[in-house]
Amino acid sequence: PGNVFLGSPHRLDRPTSGIVIYTKTEKALKRMSE
């Protein structure tokens, strides 16, 4: 229910394809961003 947390530690350019990593928790977001 409600809002779902989804962290985005990096991005790919719009015209490219492939691996994008998202995080489900704040802890994982902080560590993946680092």
PDB file of all heavy atoms in Angstrom:
ATOM      1  N   PRO A   1       0.836  -1.202   0.000  1.00  0.00           N
ATOM      2  CA  PRO A   1       0.000   0.000   0.000  1.00  0.00           C
ATOM      3  C   PRO A   1       0.876   1.258   0.000  1.00  0.00           C
ATOM      4  O   PRO A   1       2.039   1.215   0.384  1.00  0.00           O
ATOM      5  CB  PRO A   1      -0.771  -0.117   1.325  1.00  0.00           C
ATOM      6  CG  PRO A   1       0.159  -0.877   2.215  1.00  0.00           C
ATOM      7  CD  PRO A   1       0.959  -1.794   1.333  1.00  0.00           C
ATOM      8  N   GLY A   2       0.323   2.373  -0.437  1.00  0.00           N
ATOM      9  CA  GLY A   2       1.034   3.657  -0.361  1.00  0.00           C
ATOM     10  C   GLY A   2       2.229   3.726  -1.290  1.00  0.00           C
ATOM     11  O   GLY A   2       2.346   2.973  -2.254  1.00  0.00           O
ATOM     12  N   ASN A   3       3.114   4.657  -0.949  1.00  0.00           N
ATOM     13  CA  ASN A   3       4.297   4.883  -1.775  1.00  0.00           C
ATOM     14  C   ASN A   3       5.329   3.787  -1.594  1.00  0.00           C
ATOM     15  O   ASN A   3       5.555   3.312  -0.497  1.00  0.00           O
ATOM     16  CB  ASN A   3       4.942   6.232  -1.422  1.00  0.00           C
ATOM     17  CG  ASN A   3       4.449   7.337  -2.339  1.00  0.00           C
ATOM     18  OD1 ASN A   3       3.995   7.060  -3.448  1.00  0.00           O
ATOM     19  ND2 ASN A   3       4.528   8.564  -1.871  1.00  0.00           N
ATOM     20  N   VAL A   4       5.962   3.407  -2.689  1.00  0.00           N
ATOM     21  CA  VAL A   4       7.022   2.402  -2.656  1.00  0.00           C
ATOM     22  C   VAL A   4       8.360   3.123  -2.755  1.00  0.00           C
ATOM     23  O   VAL A   4       8.550   3.966  -3.635  1.00  0.00           O
ATOM     24  CB  VAL A   4       6.875   1.424  -3.847  1.00  0.00           C
ATOM     25  CG1 VAL A   4       8.055   0.472  -3.916  1.00  0.00           C
ATOM     26  CG2 VAL A   4       5.576   0.646  -3.739  1.00  0.00           C
ATOM     27  N   PHE A   5       9.299   2.803  -1.855  1.00  0.00           N
ATOM     28  CA  PHE A   5      10.640   3.390  -1.953  1.00  0.00           C
ATOM     29  C   PHE A   5      11.425   2.693  -3.060  1.00  0.00           C
ATOM     30  O   PHE A   5      11.442   1.464  -3.148  1.00  0.00           O
ATOM     31  CB  PHE A   5      11.407   3.250  -0.629  1.00  0.00           C
ATOM     32  CG  PHE A   5      12.823   3.755  -0.734  1.00  0.00           C
ATOM     33  CD1 PHE A   5      13.088   5.104  -0.606  1.00  0.00           C
ATOM     34  CD2 PHE A   5      13.878   2.891  -1.013  1.00  0.00           C
ATOM     35  CE1 PHE A   5      14.399   5.585  -0.731  1.00  0.00           C
ATOM     36  CE2 PHE A   5      15.178   3.356  -1.147  1.00  0.00           C
ATOM     37  CZ  PHE A   5      15.438   4.715  -1.002  1.00  0.00           C
ATOM     38  N   LEU A   6      12.066   3.499  -3.910  1.00  0.00           N
ATOM     39  CA  LEU A   6      12.951   2.938  -4.932  1.00  0.00           C
ATOM     40  C   LEU A   6      14.080   3.927  -5.175  1.00  0.00           C
ATOM     41  O   LEU A   6      13.875   4.999  -5.735  1.00  0.00           O
ATOM     42  CB  LEU A   6      12.186   2.669  -6.236  1.00  0.00           C
ATOM     43  CG  LEU A   6      12.973   1.861  -7.268  1.00  0.00           C
ATOM     44  CD1 LEU A   6      13.170   0.415  -6.803  1.00  0.00           C
ATOM     45  CD2 LEU A   6      12.290   1.878  -8.627  1.00  0.00           C
ATOM     46  N   GLY A   7      15.287   3.562  -4.724  1.00  0.00           N
ATOM     47  CA  GLY A   7      16.444   4.437  -4.869  1.00  0.00           C
ATOM     48  C   GLY A   7      17.120   4.262  -6.214  1.00  0.00           C
ATOM     49  O   GLY A   7      17.130   3.174  -6.796  1.00  0.00           O
ATOM     50  N   SER A   8      17.702   5.361  -6.706  1.00  0.00           N
ATOM     51  CA  SER A   8      18.346   5.349  -8.020  1.00  0.00           C
ATOM     52  C   SER A   8      19.798   5.834  -7.879  1.00  0.00           C
ATOM     53  O   SER A   8      20.067   7.022  -7.974  1.00  0.00           O
ATOM     54  CB  SER A   8      17.558   6.258  -8.976  1.00  0.00           C
ATOM     55  OG  SER A   8      18.098   6.228 -10.263  1.00  0.00           O
ATOM     56  N   PRO A   9      20.742   4.903  -7.640  1.00  0.00           N
ATOM     57  CA  PRO A   9      22.121   5.318  -7.385  1.00  0.00           C
ATOM     58  C   PRO A   9      22.917   5.724  -8.624  1.00  0.00           C
ATOM     59  O   PRO A   9      24.026   6.238  -8.510  1.00  0.00           O
ATOM     60  CB  PRO A   9      22.745   4.067  -6.747  1.00  0.00           C
ATOM     61  CG  PRO A   9      21.949   2.930  -7.288  1.00  0.00           C
ATOM     62  CD  PRO A   9      20.557   3.448  -7.473  1.00  0.00           C
ATOM     63  N   HIS A  10      22.369   5.478  -9.816  1.00  0.00           N
ATOM     64  CA  HIS A  10      23.058   5.866 -11.056  1.00  0.00           C
ATOM     65  C   HIS A  10      22.008   5.963 -12.156  1.00  0.00           C
ATOM     66  O   HIS A  10      20.831   5.708 -11.929  1.00  0.00           O
ATOM     67  CB  HIS A  10      24.130   4.836 -11.427  1.00  0.00           C
ATOM     68  CG  HIS A  10      23.568   3.577 -12.028  1.00  0.00           C
ATOM     69  ND1 HIS A  10      23.932   3.090 -13.252  1.00  0.00           N
ATOM     70  CD2 HIS A  10      22.637   2.695 -11.553  1.00  0.00           C
ATOM     71  CE1 HIS A  10      23.270   1.969 -13.509  1.00  0.00           C
ATOM     72  NE2 HIS A  10      22.474   1.711 -12.497  1.00  0.00           N
ATOM     73  N   ARG A  11      22.442   6.351 -13.345  1.00  0.00           N
ATOM     74  CA  ARG A  11      21.497   6.414 -14.464  1.00  0.00           C
ATOM     75  C   ARG A  11      22.212   6.083 -15.770  1.00  0.00           C
ATOM     76  O   ARG A  11      23.430   6.184 -15.868  1.00  0.00           O
ATOM     77  CB  ARG A  11      20.843   7.789 -14.537  1.00  0.00           C
ATOM     78  CG  ARG A  11      21.783   8.925 -14.875  1.00  0.00           C
ATOM     79  CD  ARG A  11      21.262  10.274 -14.457  1.00  0.00           C
ATOM     80  NE  ARG A  11      19.902  10.507 -14.864  1.00  0.00           N
ATOM     81  CZ  ARG A  11      19.179  11.570 -14.487  1.00  0.00           C
ATOM     82  NH1 ARG A  11      19.710  12.466 -13.674  1.00  0.00           N
ATOM     83  NH2 ARG A  11      17.967  11.745 -14.908  1.00  0.00           N
ATOM     84  N   LEU A  12      21.423   5.685 -16.761  1.00  0.00           N
ATOM     85  CA  LEU A  12      21.925   5.522 -18.124  1.00  0.00           C
ATOM     86  C   LEU A  12      21.303   6.598 -18.980  1.00  0.00           C
ATOM     87  O   LEU A  12      20.148   6.990 -18.758  1.00  0.00           O
ATOM     88  CB  LEU A  12      21.500   4.162 -18.704  1.00  0.00           C
ATOM     89  CG  LEU A  12      22.239   2.887 -18.311  1.00  0.00           C
ATOM     90  CD1 LEU A  12      21.699   1.729 -19.138  1.00  0.00           C
ATOM     91  CD2 LEU A  12      23.730   3.016 -18.497  1.00  0.00           C
ATOM     92  N   ASP A  13      22.021   7.054 -19.994  1.00  0.00           N
ATOM     93  CA  ASP A  13      21.462   8.034 -20.926  1.00  0.00           C
ATOM     94  C   ASP A  13      20.216   7.466 -21.598  1.00  0.00           C
ATOM     95  O   ASP A  13      20.144   6.265 -21.880  1.00  0.00           O
ATOM     96  CB  ASP A  13      22.487   8.394 -22.019  1.00  0.00           C
ATOM     97  CG  ASP A  13      23.725   9.075 -21.452  1.00  0.00           C
ATOM     98  OD1 ASP A  13      23.645   9.631 -20.354  1.00  0.00           O
ATOM     99  OD2 ASP A  13      24.775   9.030 -22.130  1.00  0.00           O
ATOM    100  N   ARG A  14      19.277   8.336 -21.886  1.00  0.00           N
ATOM    101  CA  ARG A  14      17.999   7.908 -22.479  1.00  0.00           C
ATOM    102  C   ARG A  14      18.165   7.086 -23.763  1.00  0.00           C
ATOM    103  O   ARG A  14      17.450   6.098 -23.961  1.00  0.00           O
ATOM    104  CB  ARG A  14      17.123   9.142 -22.732  1.00  0.00           C
ATOM    105  CG  ARG A  14      15.701   8.784 -23.123  1.00  0.00           C
ATOM    106  CD  ARG A  14      14.778   9.980 -23.088  1.00  0.00           C
ATOM    107  NE  ARG A  14      13.387   9.552 -23.172  1.00  0.00           N
ATOM    108  CZ  ARG A  14      12.344  10.345 -22.946  1.00  0.00           C
ATOM    109  NH1 ARG A  14      12.523  11.602 -22.612  1.00  0.00           N
ATOM    110  NH2 ARG A  14      11.110   9.880 -23.036  1.00  0.00           N
ATOM    111  N   PRO A  15      19.090   7.448 -24.686  1.00  0.00           N
ATOM    112  CA  PRO A  15      19.183   6.670 -25.932  1.00  0.00           C
ATOM    113  C   PRO A  15      19.927   5.343 -25.817  1.00  0.00           C
ATOM    114  O   PRO A  15      20.016   4.606 -26.790  1.00  0.00           O
ATOM    115  CB  PRO A  15      19.912   7.607 -26.892  1.00  0.00           C
ATOM    116  CG  PRO A  15      20.631   8.589 -26.048  1.00  0.00           C
ATOM    117  CD  PRO A  15      19.913   8.670 -24.743  1.00  0.00           C
ATOM    118  N   THR A  16      20.471   5.024 -24.628  1.00  0.00           N
ATOM    119  CA  THR A  16      21.209   3.771 -24.460  1.00  0.00           C
ATOM    120  C   THR A  16      20.327   2.698 -23.833  1.00  0.00           C
ATOM    121  O   THR A  16      19.232   2.985 -23.350  1.00  0.00           O
ATOM    122  CB  THR A  16      22.461   3.977 -23.585  1.00  0.00           C
ATOM    123  OG1 THR A  16      22.037   4.325 -22.269  1.00  0.00           O
ATOM    124  CG2 THR A  16      23.355   5.064 -24.122  1.00  0.00           C
ATOM    125  N   SER A  17      20.840   1.472 -23.816  1.00  0.00           N
ATOM    126  CA  SER A  17      20.105   0.342 -23.230  1.00  0.00           C
ATOM    127  C   SER A  17      21.006  -0.378 -22.237  1.00  0.00           C
ATOM    128  O   SER A  17      22.205  -0.117 -22.164  1.00  0.00           O
ATOM    129  CB  SER A  17      19.652  -0.618 -24.336  1.00  0.00           C
ATOM    130  OG  SER A  17      20.774  -1.086 -25.069  1.00  0.00           O
ATOM    131  N   GLY A  18      20.404  -1.302 -21.482  1.00  0.00           N
ATOM    132  CA  GLY A  18      21.199  -2.173 -20.630  1.00  0.00           C
ATOM    133  C   GLY A  18      20.936  -2.033 -19.139  1.00  0.00           C
ATOM    134  O   GLY A  18      19.866  -1.564 -18.720  1.00  0.00           O
ATOM    135  N   ILE A  19      21.908  -2.445 -18.354  1.00  0.00           N
ATOM    136  CA  ILE A  19      21.757  -2.621 -16.911  1.00  0.00           C
ATOM    137  C   ILE A  19      21.513  -1.312 -16.165  1.00  0.00           C
ATOM    138  O   ILE A  19      22.311  -0.382 -16.257  1.00  0.00           O
ATOM    139  CB  ILE A  19      23.013  -3.305 -16.335  1.00  0.00           C
ATOM    140  CG1 ILE A  19      23.088  -4.755 -16.826  1.00  0.00           C
ATOM    141  CG2 ILE A  19      23.030  -3.250 -14.806  1.00  0.00           C
ATOM    142  CD1 ILE A  19      24.375  -5.458 -16.464  1.00  0.00           C
ATOM    143  N   VAL A  20      20.408  -1.294 -15.419  1.00  0.00           N
ATOM    144  CA  VAL A  20      20.138  -0.205 -14.475  1.00  0.00           C
ATOM    145  C   VAL A  20      19.851  -0.832 -13.113  1.00  0.00           C
ATOM    146  O   VAL A  20      19.006  -1.719 -12.996  1.00  0.00           O
ATOM    147  CB  VAL A  20      18.938   0.664 -14.912  1.00  0.00           C
ATOM    148  CG1 VAL A  20      18.633   1.721 -13.853  1.00  0.00           C
ATOM    149  CG2 VAL A  20      19.218   1.336 -16.242  1.00  0.00           C
ATOM    150  N   ILE A  21      20.568  -0.357 -12.100  1.00  0.00           N
ATOM    151  CA  ILE A  21      20.425  -0.886 -10.742  1.00  0.00           C
ATOM    152  C   ILE A  21      19.591   0.073  -9.904  1.00  0.00           C
ATOM    153  O   ILE A  21      19.911   1.262  -9.810  1.00  0.00           O
ATOM    154  CB  ILE A  21      21.816  -1.074 -10.086  1.00  0.00           C
ATOM    155  CG1 ILE A  21      22.663  -2.049 -10.913  1.00  0.00           C
ATOM    156  CG2 ILE A  21      21.675  -1.558  -8.637  1.00  0.00           C
ATOM    157  CD1 ILE A  21      24.149  -2.039 -10.554  1.00  0.00           C
ATOM    158  N   TYR A  22      18.522  -0.434  -9.314  1.00  0.00           N
ATOM    159  CA  TYR A  22      17.720   0.337  -8.355  1.00  0.00           C
ATOM    160  C   TYR A  22      17.832  -0.338  -6.987  1.00  0.00           C
ATOM    161  O   TYR A  22      18.115  -1.538  -6.896  1.00  0.00           O
ATOM    162  CB  TYR A  22      16.253   0.379  -8.770  1.00  0.00           C
ATOM    163  CG  TYR A  22      15.973   1.190 -10.012  1.00  0.00           C
ATOM    164  CD1 TYR A  22      15.613   0.567 -11.211  1.00  0.00           C
ATOM    165  CD2 TYR A  22      16.038   2.585  -9.996  1.00  0.00           C
ATOM    166  CE1 TYR A  22      15.341   1.308 -12.352  1.00  0.00           C
ATOM    167  CE2 TYR A  22      15.763   3.329 -11.134  1.00  0.00           C
ATOM    168  CZ  TYR A  22      15.420   2.689 -12.304  1.00  0.00           C
ATOM    169  OH  TYR A  22      15.152   3.417 -13.435  1.00  0.00           O
ATOM    170  N   THR A  23      17.583   0.432  -5.939  1.00  0.00           N
ATOM    171  CA  THR A  23      17.642  -0.124  -4.583  1.00  0.00           C
ATOM    172  C   THR A  23      16.272  -0.035  -3.928  1.00  0.00           C
ATOM    173  O   THR A  23      15.502   0.889  -4.173  1.00  0.00           O
ATOM    174  CB  THR A  23      18.660   0.635  -3.711  1.00  0.00           C
ATOM    175  OG1 THR A  23      18.205   1.976  -3.503  1.00  0.00           O
ATOM    176  CG2 THR A  23      20.038   0.659  -4.374  1.00  0.00           C
ATOM    177  N   LYS A  24      15.985  -1.028  -3.078  1.00  0.00           N
ATOM    178  CA  LYS A  24      14.688  -1.082  -2.399  1.00  0.00           C
ATOM    179  C   LYS A  24      14.738  -0.491  -0.991  1.00  0.00           C
ATOM    180  O   LYS A  24      13.687  -0.344  -0.359  1.00  0.00           O
ATOM    181  CB  LYS A  24      14.208  -2.532  -2.308  1.00  0.00           C
ATOM    182  CG  LYS A  24      13.879  -3.182  -3.649  1.00  0.00           C
ATOM    183  CD  LYS A  24      13.365  -4.595  -3.384  1.00  0.00           C
ATOM    184  CE  LYS A  24      12.942  -5.301  -4.624  1.00  0.00           C
ATOM    185  NZ  LYS A  24      12.414  -6.641  -4.326  1.00  0.00           N
ATOM    186  N   THR A  25      15.946  -0.208  -0.492  1.00  0.00           N
ATOM    187  CA  THR A  25      16.082   0.333   0.862  1.00  0.00           C
ATOM    188  C   THR A  25      17.036   1.521   0.863  1.00  0.00           C
ATOM    189  O   THR A  25      17.899   1.650  -0.023  1.00  0.00           O
ATOM    190  CB  THR A  25      16.641  -0.727   1.840  1.00  0.00           C
ATOM    191  OG1 THR A  25      17.959  -1.100   1.400  1.00  0.00           O
ATOM    192  CG2 THR A  25      15.744  -1.964   1.898  1.00  0.00           C
ATOM    193  N   GLU A  26      16.903   2.387   1.869  1.00  0.00           N
ATOM    194  CA  GLU A  26      17.790   3.540   2.033  1.00  0.00           C
ATOM    195  C   GLU A  26      19.236   3.087   2.255  1.00  0.00           C
ATOM    196  O   GLU A  26      20.172   3.682   1.740  1.00  0.00           O
ATOM    197  CB  GLU A  26      17.335   4.394   3.224  1.00  0.00           C
ATOM    198  CG  GLU A  26      16.000   5.097   3.012  1.00  0.00           C
ATOM    199  CD  GLU A  26      16.142   6.439   2.308  1.00  0.00           C
ATOM    200  OE1 GLU A  26      17.248   6.745   1.817  1.00  0.00           O
ATOM    201  OE2 GLU A  26      15.132   7.173   2.242  1.00  0.00           O
ATOM    202  N   LYS A  27      19.401   2.019   3.047  1.00  0.00           N
ATOM    203  CA  LYS A  27      20.749   1.522   3.341  1.00  0.00           C
ATOM    204  C   LYS A  27      21.451   1.082   2.056  1.00  0.00           C
ATOM    205  O   LYS A  27      22.604   1.426   1.801  1.00  0.00           O
ATOM    206  CB  LYS A  27      20.682   0.342   4.322  1.00  0.00           C
ATOM    207  CG  LYS A  27      22.079  -0.097   4.767  1.00  0.00           C
ATOM    208  CD  LYS A  27      22.237  -1.456   5.430  1.00  0.00           C
ATOM    209  CE  LYS A  27      21.201  -1.943   6.339  1.00  0.00           C
ATOM    210  NZ  LYS A  27      21.621  -3.156   7.086  1.00  0.00           N
ATOM    211  N   ALA A  28      20.728   0.318   1.230  1.00  0.00           N
ATOM    212  CA  ALA A  28      21.306  -0.145  -0.038  1.00  0.00           C
ATOM    213  C   ALA A  28      21.604   1.032  -0.968  1.00  0.00           C
ATOM    214  O   ALA A  28      22.624   1.044  -1.670  1.00  0.00           O
ATOM    215  CB  ALA A  28      20.369  -1.136  -0.714  1.00  0.00           C
ATOM    216  N   LEU A  29      20.730   2.045  -0.970  1.00  0.00           N
ATOM    217  CA  LEU A  29      20.942   3.225  -1.819  1.00  0.00           C
ATOM    218  C   LEU A  29      22.229   3.944  -1.426  1.00  0.00           C
ATOM    219  O   LEU A  29      23.046   4.292  -2.285  1.00  0.00           O
ATOM    220  CB  LEU A  29      19.749   4.182  -1.714  1.00  0.00           C
ATOM    221  CG  LEU A  29      19.919   5.518  -2.452  1.00  0.00           C
ATOM    222  CD1 LEU A  29      20.110   5.297  -3.953  1.00  0.00           C
ATOM    223  CD2 LEU A  29      18.723   6.433  -2.196  1.00  0.00           C
ATOM    224  N   LYS A  30      22.410   4.158  -0.142  1.00  0.00           N
ATOM    225  CA  LYS A  30      23.608   4.861   0.347  1.00  0.00           C
ATOM    226  C   LYS A  30      24.874   4.100  -0.063  1.00  0.00           C
ATOM    227  O   LYS A  30      25.830   4.682  -0.578  1.00  0.00           O
ATOM    228  CB  LYS A  30      23.527   4.999   1.868  1.00  0.00           C
ATOM    229  CG  LYS A  30      24.694   5.725   2.513  1.00  0.00           C
ATOM    230  CD  LYS A  30      24.421   5.964   3.992  1.00  0.00           C
ATOM    231  CE  LYS A  30      25.574   6.700   4.665  1.00  0.00           C
ATOM    232  NZ  LYS A  30      26.781   5.867   4.812  1.00  0.00           N
ATOM    233  N   ARG A  31      24.868   2.796   0.144  1.00  0.00           N
ATOM    234  CA  ARG A  31      26.063   2.001  -0.152  1.00  0.00           C
ATOM    235  C   ARG A  31      26.320   1.868  -1.655  1.00  0.00           C
ATOM    236  O   ARG A  31      27.464   1.897  -2.102  1.00  0.00           O
ATOM    237  CB  ARG A  31      25.950   0.627   0.509  1.00  0.00           C
ATOM    238  CG  ARG A  31      26.045   0.709   2.028  1.00  0.00           C
ATOM    239  CD  ARG A  31      25.878  -0.641   2.690  1.00  0.00           C
ATOM    240  NE  ARG A  31      25.951  -0.525   4.140  1.00  0.00           N
ATOM    241  CZ  ARG A  31      25.725  -1.533   4.980  1.00  0.00           C
ATOM    242  NH1 ARG A  31      25.397  -2.727   4.501  1.00  0.00           N
ATOM    243  NH2 ARG A  31      25.817  -1.359   6.279  1.00  0.00           N
ATOM    244  N   MET A  32      25.253   1.712  -2.442  1.00  0.00           N
ATOM    245  CA  MET A  32      25.441   1.618  -3.897  1.00  0.00           C
ATOM    246  C   MET A  32      25.883   2.961  -4.476  1.00  0.00           C
ATOM    247  O   MET A  32      26.696   3.007  -5.403  1.00  0.00           O
ATOM    248  CB  MET A  32      24.160   1.141  -4.586  1.00  0.00           C
ATOM    249  CG  MET A  32      23.848  -0.333  -4.426  1.00  0.00           C
ATOM    250  SD  MET A  32      25.194  -1.460  -4.899  1.00  0.00           S
ATOM    251  CE  MET A  32      25.497  -0.997  -6.599  1.00  0.00           C
ATOM    252  N   SER A  33      25.364   4.059  -3.939  1.00  0.00           N
ATOM    253  CA  SER A  33      25.786   5.393  -4.399  1.00  0.00           C
ATOM    254  C   SER A  33      27.278   5.576  -4.145  1.00  0.00           C
ATOM    255  O   SER A  33      28.011   6.102  -4.998  1.00  0.00           O
ATOM    256  CB  SER A  33      24.990   6.493  -3.692  1.00  0.00           C
ATOM    257  OG  SER A  33      23.624   6.391  -4.014  1.00  0.00           O
ATOM    258  N   GLU A  34      27.736   5.131  -2.970  1.00  0.00           N
ATOM    259  CA  GLU A  34      29.171   5.206  -2.655  1.00  0.00           C
ATOM    260  C   GLU A  34      29.975   4.323  -3.601  1.00  0.00           C
ATOM    261  O   GLU A  34      31.048   4.721  -4.080  1.00  0.00           O
ATOM    262  CB  GLU A  34      29.417   4.767  -1.205  1.00  0.00           C
ATOM    263  CG  GLU A  34      28.976   5.796  -0.181  1.00  0.00           C
ATOM    264  CD  GLU A  34      28.953   5.248   1.243  1.00  0.00           C
ATOM    265  OE1 GLU A  34      29.266   4.045   1.436  1.00  0.00           O
ATOM    266  OE2 GLU A  34      28.602   6.025   2.159  1.00  0.00           O
TER     267      GLU A  34
END
